[in-house]
Amino acid sequence: MHEVSLAESIIELIEQAALREGFALVRMVRLEIGELACVDPDALETAFAAACRDTCAEQARIEIETVAGEGECPDCGIRAAMPSLYELCPQCGERPLRVIRGTELRVSTLDVE
């Protein structure tokens, strides 16, 4: 379950930002997680709840925004929705789409005091 190490990394980023920006409490953490990122949002929420104990984010709620997968065909150039990795081009069917977006995992917003 790599969500535990992801949650620990998110807390580390938050604590570094707290030192740099001078805030003491995080009320909300908003994450953008791509459909193709191979992250289980429920498992990440559980891991985050455990990882944030005794940190400035201990009372923070977590909000997750899902980023849809999108790809581009290297042969015909069409862009298409990509609900999973290795989708074939829906137009020419020749090659897997090249991922354009949907693999990201980022902290997009912190609500702090």
N, C-alpha and C. Protein backbone atom coordinates (compact mmCIF):
# COMPACT_ATOMS: atom_id res chain seq x y z
N MET A 1 0.84 -1.18 0.00
CA MET A 1 0.00 0.00 0.00
C MET A 1 0.88 1.24 0.00
N HIS A 2 1.17 1.75 -1.19
CA HIS A 2 2.05 2.91 -1.29
C HIS A 2 1.37 4.20 -0.87
N GLU A 3 0.06 4.16 -0.60
CA GLU A 3 -0.65 5.34 -0.13
C GLU A 3 -0.10 5.84 1.20
N VAL A 4 0.45 4.95 2.03
CA VAL A 4 1.04 5.36 3.31
C VAL A 4 2.25 6.27 3.05
N SER A 5 3.13 5.86 2.15
CA SER A 5 4.29 6.71 1.87
C SER A 5 3.88 8.00 1.16
N LEU A 6 2.83 7.94 0.35
CA LEU A 6 2.33 9.17 -0.29
C LEU A 6 1.79 10.13 0.77
N ALA A 7 1.02 9.61 1.72
CA ALA A 7 0.48 10.45 2.79
C ALA A 7 1.60 11.06 3.62
N GLU A 8 2.62 10.28 3.92
CA GLU A 8 3.76 10.80 4.69
C GLU A 8 4.49 11.90 3.92
N SER A 9 4.60 11.74 2.61
CA SER A 9 5.24 12.78 1.78
C SER A 9 4.40 14.05 1.74
N ILE A 10 3.09 13.90 1.69
CA ILE A 10 2.20 15.07 1.70
C ILE A 10 2.35 15.82 3.02
N ILE A 11 2.38 15.10 4.13
CA ILE A 11 2.56 15.74 5.44
C ILE A 11 3.91 16.46 5.49
N GLU A 12 4.94 15.84 4.97
CA GLU A 12 6.27 16.47 4.94
C GLU A 12 6.22 17.79 4.15
N LEU A 13 5.55 17.79 3.00
CA LEU A 13 5.40 19.02 2.22
C LEU A 13 4.65 20.09 3.00
N ILE A 14 3.59 19.68 3.68
CA ILE A 14 2.79 20.62 4.47
C ILE A 14 3.61 21.21 5.61
N GLU A 15 4.36 20.39 6.31
CA GLU A 15 5.16 20.89 7.42
C GLU A 15 6.28 21.82 6.94
N GLN A 16 6.87 21.52 5.79
CA GLN A 16 7.86 22.43 5.23
C GLN A 16 7.22 23.77 4.88
N ALA A 17 6.03 23.73 4.30
CA ALA A 17 5.31 24.98 3.97
C ALA A 17 4.96 25.75 5.24
N ALA A 18 4.59 25.05 6.30
CA ALA A 18 4.26 25.71 7.57
C ALA A 18 5.47 26.46 8.12
N LEU A 19 6.63 25.85 8.06
CA LEU A 19 7.85 26.52 8.51
C LEU A 19 8.18 27.72 7.64
N ARG A 20 8.06 27.55 6.36
CA ARG A 20 8.40 28.61 5.41
C ARG A 20 7.40 29.77 5.46
N GLU A 21 6.10 29.44 5.58
CA GLU A 21 5.05 30.45 5.49
C GLU A 21 4.55 30.94 6.86
N GLY A 22 4.90 30.22 7.92
CA GLY A 22 4.55 30.66 9.26
C GLY A 22 3.12 30.36 9.72
N PHE A 23 2.50 29.34 9.20
CA PHE A 23 1.18 28.98 9.71
C PHE A 23 1.32 27.83 10.70
N ALA A 24 0.32 27.71 11.59
CA ALA A 24 0.40 26.72 12.66
C ALA A 24 -0.65 25.63 12.56
N LEU A 25 -1.70 25.87 11.76
CA LEU A 25 -2.80 24.93 11.70
C LEU A 25 -3.32 24.83 10.27
N VAL A 26 -3.57 23.61 9.84
CA VAL A 26 -4.16 23.36 8.53
C VAL A 26 -5.58 22.85 8.76
N ARG A 27 -6.54 23.54 8.14
CA ARG A 27 -7.94 23.13 8.29
C ARG A 27 -8.38 22.20 7.17
N MET A 28 -7.80 22.40 5.96
CA MET A 28 -8.23 21.61 4.81
C MET A 28 -7.06 21.44 3.84
N VAL A 29 -6.97 20.26 3.29
CA VAL A 29 -5.97 19.94 2.25
C VAL A 29 -6.74 19.45 1.04
N ARG A 30 -6.55 20.12 -0.09
CA ARG A 30 -7.19 19.68 -1.34
C ARG A 30 -6.11 19.05 -2.22
N LEU A 31 -6.39 17.85 -2.68
CA LEU A 31 -5.47 17.12 -3.55
C LEU A 31 -6.09 16.93 -4.92
N GLU A 32 -5.26 16.98 -5.94
CA GLU A 32 -5.66 16.58 -7.29
C GLU A 32 -5.01 15.24 -7.55
N ILE A 33 -5.84 14.25 -7.85
CA ILE A 33 -5.33 12.90 -8.11
C ILE A 33 -5.84 12.45 -9.47
N GLY A 34 -4.93 12.11 -10.36
CA GLY A 34 -5.29 11.64 -11.68
C GLY A 34 -5.88 10.24 -11.66
N GLU A 35 -6.82 10.02 -12.56
CA GLU A 35 -7.43 8.69 -12.70
C GLU A 35 -6.40 7.61 -12.99
N LEU A 36 -5.30 8.01 -13.62
CA LEU A 36 -4.28 7.05 -14.05
C LEU A 36 -3.11 6.98 -13.07
N ALA A 37 -3.23 7.63 -11.91
CA ALA A 37 -2.12 7.72 -10.96
C ALA A 37 -1.92 6.46 -10.13
N CYS A 38 -2.81 5.50 -10.25
CA CYS A 38 -2.72 4.25 -9.47
C CYS A 38 -2.73 4.53 -7.97
N VAL A 39 -3.60 5.45 -7.56
CA VAL A 39 -3.76 5.79 -6.15
C VAL A 39 -5.22 5.50 -5.78
N ASP A 40 -5.40 4.80 -4.69
CA ASP A 40 -6.74 4.54 -4.17
C ASP A 40 -7.10 5.70 -3.24
N PRO A 41 -8.04 6.56 -3.64
CA PRO A 41 -8.38 7.72 -2.81
C PRO A 41 -8.80 7.36 -1.38
N ASP A 42 -9.58 6.30 -1.21
CA ASP A 42 -10.01 5.90 0.14
C ASP A 42 -8.82 5.48 0.99
N ALA A 43 -7.91 4.72 0.41
CA ALA A 43 -6.72 4.30 1.15
C ALA A 43 -5.83 5.50 1.48
N LEU A 44 -5.75 6.47 0.57
CA LEU A 44 -4.95 7.67 0.83
C LEU A 44 -5.57 8.48 1.96
N GLU A 45 -6.89 8.60 1.98
CA GLU A 45 -7.56 9.32 3.08
C GLU A 45 -7.27 8.66 4.42
N THR A 46 -7.34 7.35 4.46
CA THR A 46 -7.06 6.61 5.70
C THR A 46 -5.61 6.80 6.12
N ALA A 47 -4.70 6.68 5.17
CA ALA A 47 -3.28 6.85 5.47
C ALA A 47 -2.98 8.28 5.92
N PHE A 48 -3.64 9.26 5.29
CA PHE A 48 -3.44 10.66 5.66
C PHE A 48 -3.89 10.90 7.11
N ALA A 49 -5.03 10.34 7.48
CA ALA A 49 -5.54 10.49 8.85
C ALA A 49 -4.54 9.97 9.88
N ALA A 50 -3.87 8.88 9.56
CA ALA A 50 -2.87 8.32 10.46
C ALA A 50 -1.58 9.13 10.44
N ALA A 51 -1.16 9.58 9.26
CA ALA A 51 0.11 10.29 9.11
C ALA A 51 0.09 11.69 9.70
N CYS A 52 -1.08 12.30 9.80
CA CYS A 52 -1.13 13.69 10.25
C CYS A 52 -1.21 13.84 11.77
N ARG A 53 -1.24 12.74 12.49
CA ARG A 53 -1.27 12.83 13.96
C ARG A 53 -0.03 13.57 14.46
N ASP A 54 -0.25 14.46 15.42
CA ASP A 54 0.82 15.26 16.04
C ASP A 54 1.53 16.18 15.05
N THR A 55 0.81 16.63 14.02
CA THR A 55 1.34 17.60 13.06
C THR A 55 0.39 18.78 12.99
N CYS A 56 0.78 19.81 12.25
CA CYS A 56 -0.09 20.97 12.07
C CYS A 56 -1.34 20.63 11.26
N ALA A 57 -1.37 19.47 10.64
CA ALA A 57 -2.52 19.05 9.83
C ALA A 57 -3.39 18.02 10.55
N GLU A 58 -3.18 17.88 11.85
CA GLU A 58 -3.89 16.84 12.59
C GLU A 58 -5.41 16.95 12.50
N GLN A 59 -5.93 18.17 12.44
CA GLN A 59 -7.37 18.35 12.39
C GLN A 59 -7.88 18.64 10.97
N ALA A 60 -7.01 18.53 10.00
CA ALA A 60 -7.38 18.89 8.62
C ALA A 60 -8.31 17.85 8.01
N ARG A 61 -9.25 18.37 7.23
CA ARG A 61 -10.05 17.46 6.40
C ARG A 61 -9.36 17.43 5.03
N ILE A 62 -9.57 16.36 4.36
CA ILE A 62 -8.94 16.19 3.05
C ILE A 62 -10.03 16.16 1.98
N GLU A 63 -9.81 16.89 0.91
CA GLU A 63 -10.71 16.89 -0.24
C GLU A 63 -9.92 16.41 -1.44
N ILE A 64 -10.53 15.53 -2.20
CA ILE A 64 -9.84 14.96 -3.36
C ILE A 64 -10.61 15.31 -4.62
N GLU A 65 -9.90 15.91 -5.55
CA GLU A 65 -10.45 16.22 -6.87
C GLU A 65 -9.82 15.24 -7.86
N THR A 66 -10.65 14.54 -8.60
CA THR A 66 -10.16 13.58 -9.58
C THR A 66 -9.90 14.27 -10.91
N VAL A 67 -8.72 14.02 -11.46
CA VAL A 67 -8.35 14.56 -12.76
C VAL A 67 -8.52 13.45 -13.80
N ALA A 68 -9.35 13.69 -14.78
CA ALA A 68 -9.62 12.68 -15.81
C ALA A 68 -8.38 12.37 -16.63
N GLY A 69 -8.26 11.13 -17.03
CA GLY A 69 -7.17 10.73 -17.90
C GLY A 69 -7.43 11.19 -19.33
N GLU A 70 -6.38 11.67 -19.99
CA GLU A 70 -6.48 12.09 -21.38
C GLU A 70 -5.20 11.68 -22.09
N GLY A 71 -5.35 11.25 -23.32
CA GLY A 71 -4.19 10.82 -24.09
C GLY A 71 -4.23 11.34 -25.51
N GLU A 72 -3.10 11.16 -26.18
CA GLU A 72 -2.97 11.58 -27.57
C GLU A 72 -2.34 10.44 -28.36
N CYS A 73 -2.88 10.20 -29.56
CA CYS A 73 -2.35 9.15 -30.41
C CYS A 73 -1.06 9.63 -31.07
N PRO A 74 0.02 8.86 -30.96
CA PRO A 74 1.28 9.26 -31.60
C PRO A 74 1.23 9.16 -33.13
N ASP A 75 0.26 8.42 -33.66
CA ASP A 75 0.16 8.28 -35.11
C ASP A 75 -0.76 9.32 -35.74
N CYS A 76 -2.00 9.36 -35.30
CA CYS A 76 -2.96 10.26 -35.96
C CYS A 76 -3.17 11.57 -35.23
N GLY A 77 -2.66 11.70 -33.99
CA GLY A 77 -2.71 12.96 -33.26
C GLY A 77 -4.01 13.27 -32.54
N ILE A 78 -5.00 12.38 -32.61
CA ILE A 78 -6.27 12.63 -31.93
C ILE A 78 -6.06 12.61 -30.41
N ARG A 79 -6.79 13.47 -29.72
CA ARG A 79 -6.82 13.45 -28.26
C ARG A 79 -8.12 12.77 -27.84
N ALA A 80 -8.02 11.96 -26.80
CA ALA A 80 -9.19 11.20 -26.36
C ALA A 80 -9.14 10.94 -24.87
N ALA A 81 -10.32 10.69 -24.30
CA ALA A 81 -10.40 10.29 -22.90
C ALA A 81 -9.64 8.98 -22.71
N MET A 82 -9.02 8.85 -21.56
CA MET A 82 -8.23 7.67 -21.25
C MET A 82 -8.64 7.15 -19.88
N PRO A 83 -9.62 6.28 -19.81
CA PRO A 83 -10.06 5.78 -18.51
C PRO A 83 -9.06 4.82 -17.85
N SER A 84 -8.12 4.29 -18.64
CA SER A 84 -7.09 3.43 -18.07
C SER A 84 -5.83 3.54 -18.93
N LEU A 85 -4.73 3.13 -18.36
CA LEU A 85 -3.46 3.16 -19.09
C LEU A 85 -3.51 2.19 -20.27
N TYR A 86 -2.76 2.47 -21.28
CA TYR A 86 -2.59 1.60 -22.45
C TYR A 86 -3.84 1.48 -23.31
N GLU A 87 -4.68 2.51 -23.30
CA GLU A 87 -5.85 2.53 -24.17
C GLU A 87 -5.38 2.67 -25.62
N LEU A 88 -5.97 1.92 -26.51
CA LEU A 88 -5.68 2.08 -27.94
C LEU A 88 -6.41 3.30 -28.47
N CYS A 89 -5.86 3.89 -29.51
CA CYS A 89 -6.47 5.05 -30.14
C CYS A 89 -7.87 4.69 -30.60
N PRO A 90 -8.88 5.49 -30.21
CA PRO A 90 -10.24 5.18 -30.63
C PRO A 90 -10.50 5.47 -32.11
N GLN A 91 -9.61 6.24 -32.74
CA GLN A 91 -9.81 6.56 -34.16
C GLN A 91 -9.11 5.56 -35.08
N CYS A 92 -7.80 5.37 -34.87
CA CYS A 92 -7.07 4.48 -35.78
C CYS A 92 -6.83 3.09 -35.19
N GLY A 93 -6.90 2.97 -33.85
CA GLY A 93 -6.75 1.68 -33.19
C GLY A 93 -5.37 1.07 -33.30
N GLU A 94 -4.41 1.83 -33.79
CA GLU A 94 -3.08 1.27 -34.07
C GLU A 94 -2.18 1.20 -32.84
N ARG A 95 -2.13 2.26 -32.06
CA ARG A 95 -1.15 2.31 -30.98
C ARG A 95 -1.80 2.81 -29.70
N PRO A 96 -1.18 2.49 -28.57
CA PRO A 96 -1.69 3.04 -27.30
C PRO A 96 -1.53 4.56 -27.29
N LEU A 97 -2.48 5.20 -26.62
CA LEU A 97 -2.41 6.64 -26.47
C LEU A 97 -1.24 7.02 -25.55
N ARG A 98 -0.64 8.15 -25.83
CA ARG A 98 0.40 8.72 -24.97
C ARG A 98 -0.32 9.59 -23.94
N VAL A 99 -0.02 9.38 -22.67
CA VAL A 99 -0.70 10.09 -21.59
C VAL A 99 -0.37 11.58 -21.64
N ILE A 100 -1.40 12.41 -21.61
CA ILE A 100 -1.24 13.86 -21.53
C ILE A 100 -1.50 14.34 -20.12
N ARG A 101 -2.56 13.81 -19.52
CA ARG A 101 -2.87 14.15 -18.12
C ARG A 101 -3.62 13.00 -17.49
N GLY A 102 -3.62 13.02 -16.17
CA GLY A 102 -4.31 11.97 -15.44
C GLY A 102 -3.41 11.15 -14.54
N THR A 103 -2.10 11.45 -14.54
CA THR A 103 -1.18 10.71 -13.67
C THR A 103 -0.72 11.55 -12.48
N GLU A 104 -1.23 12.77 -12.37
CA GLU A 104 -0.73 13.67 -11.34
C GLU A 104 -1.27 13.35 -9.94
N LEU A 105 -0.49 13.74 -8.97
CA LEU A 105 -0.88 13.74 -7.57
C LEU A 105 -0.26 14.99 -6.99
N ARG A 106 -1.09 15.98 -6.68
CA ARG A 106 -0.53 17.24 -6.17
C ARG A 106 -1.42 17.83 -5.10
N VAL A 107 -0.77 18.56 -4.20
CA VAL A 107 -1.49 19.36 -3.22
C VAL A 107 -1.85 20.65 -3.95
N SER A 108 -3.13 20.91 -4.15
CA SER A 108 -3.52 22.10 -4.89
C SER A 108 -3.87 23.27 -3.98
N THR A 109 -4.40 22.98 -2.79
CA THR A 109 -4.83 24.05 -1.89
C THR A 109 -4.65 23.63 -0.44
N LEU A 110 -4.19 24.57 0.37
CA LEU A 110 -4.17 24.41 1.82
C LEU A 110 -4.99 25.55 2.42
N ASP A 111 -5.90 25.24 3.31
CA ASP A 111 -6.61 26.26 4.07
C ASP A 111 -5.95 26.26 5.45
N VAL A 112 -5.32 27.37 5.81
CA VAL A 112 -4.47 27.40 7.01
C VAL A 112 -4.83 28.57 7.92
N GLU A 113 -4.35 28.49 9.14
CA GLU A 113 -4.44 29.59 10.12
C GLU A 113 -3.06 29.93 10.60
